[in-house]
Amino acid sequence: MAAPSRCPGCGSGPLVQDAHYAQQQLVCAACGCVLAEGLLTTTYSEEQHQREVAYSQSTGQKEQLSRCLQRGIRRVQDLCKVLQLPALFEETAVSYMQRALQHPCFHLLSLEKKELLGGCCVFVTCRQHNWPLTMGTICSLLYAKQELFASVFLSLQKELELSVPALSLADLVKSHLNSCVVDFTK
């Protein structure tokens, strides 16, 4: 039985075979809808049931990183680079971000709070490793209000049951003084 020559999605006529990553696909030329793929169907001429095929089904992947998670991870990585944190810190902060975005209470956060969530993950990681970083520093880098940041931080700490030690005042003063030291030998 010959395959219908119209896209079930948009109704357009031109359907073409497209080699995508060395795998044949039947694609609507008008809207780009993937109607069938080589491994899930036979050939173009034998195609009987045209239907949309989700990317994750066609590749065998069960789950892709959501855009939100990708952006969150990128935000955490960028913040770690700006702060010149060790690779271990970055890995820990990224894992906290992944855990947080999988937790149901963080699904409906506003975009602004999701942006702060990455900063909170970095902040928690630094505190756990006794790295002298203040909430004010993170808020300055993220252009965030401290009250809003604190609320997201407290939610993260509570929901993921994270232990966050207090910052040593001696370490904080030492870090602050080191950042103010000017090298007069240059």
Foldseek 3Di string as FASTA:
>chain_A
DAEQQADPPPGDGHWDWDQDVNKTFTARPPPGFTFDTPVGDPDNGPDYDTHGDDPCRVVVNPDDDDPLLVVLLVLLVVVCVVVVHDPVLSVQLSVLLVVQCVDVVNVPDDPLLSSLLSLLSSVQSCQVVLNQDDLVNSCVVSVHDSVSSVVSNVVSCVVVVGDGDDHDPVNNVVVVVVVVDDDPVD
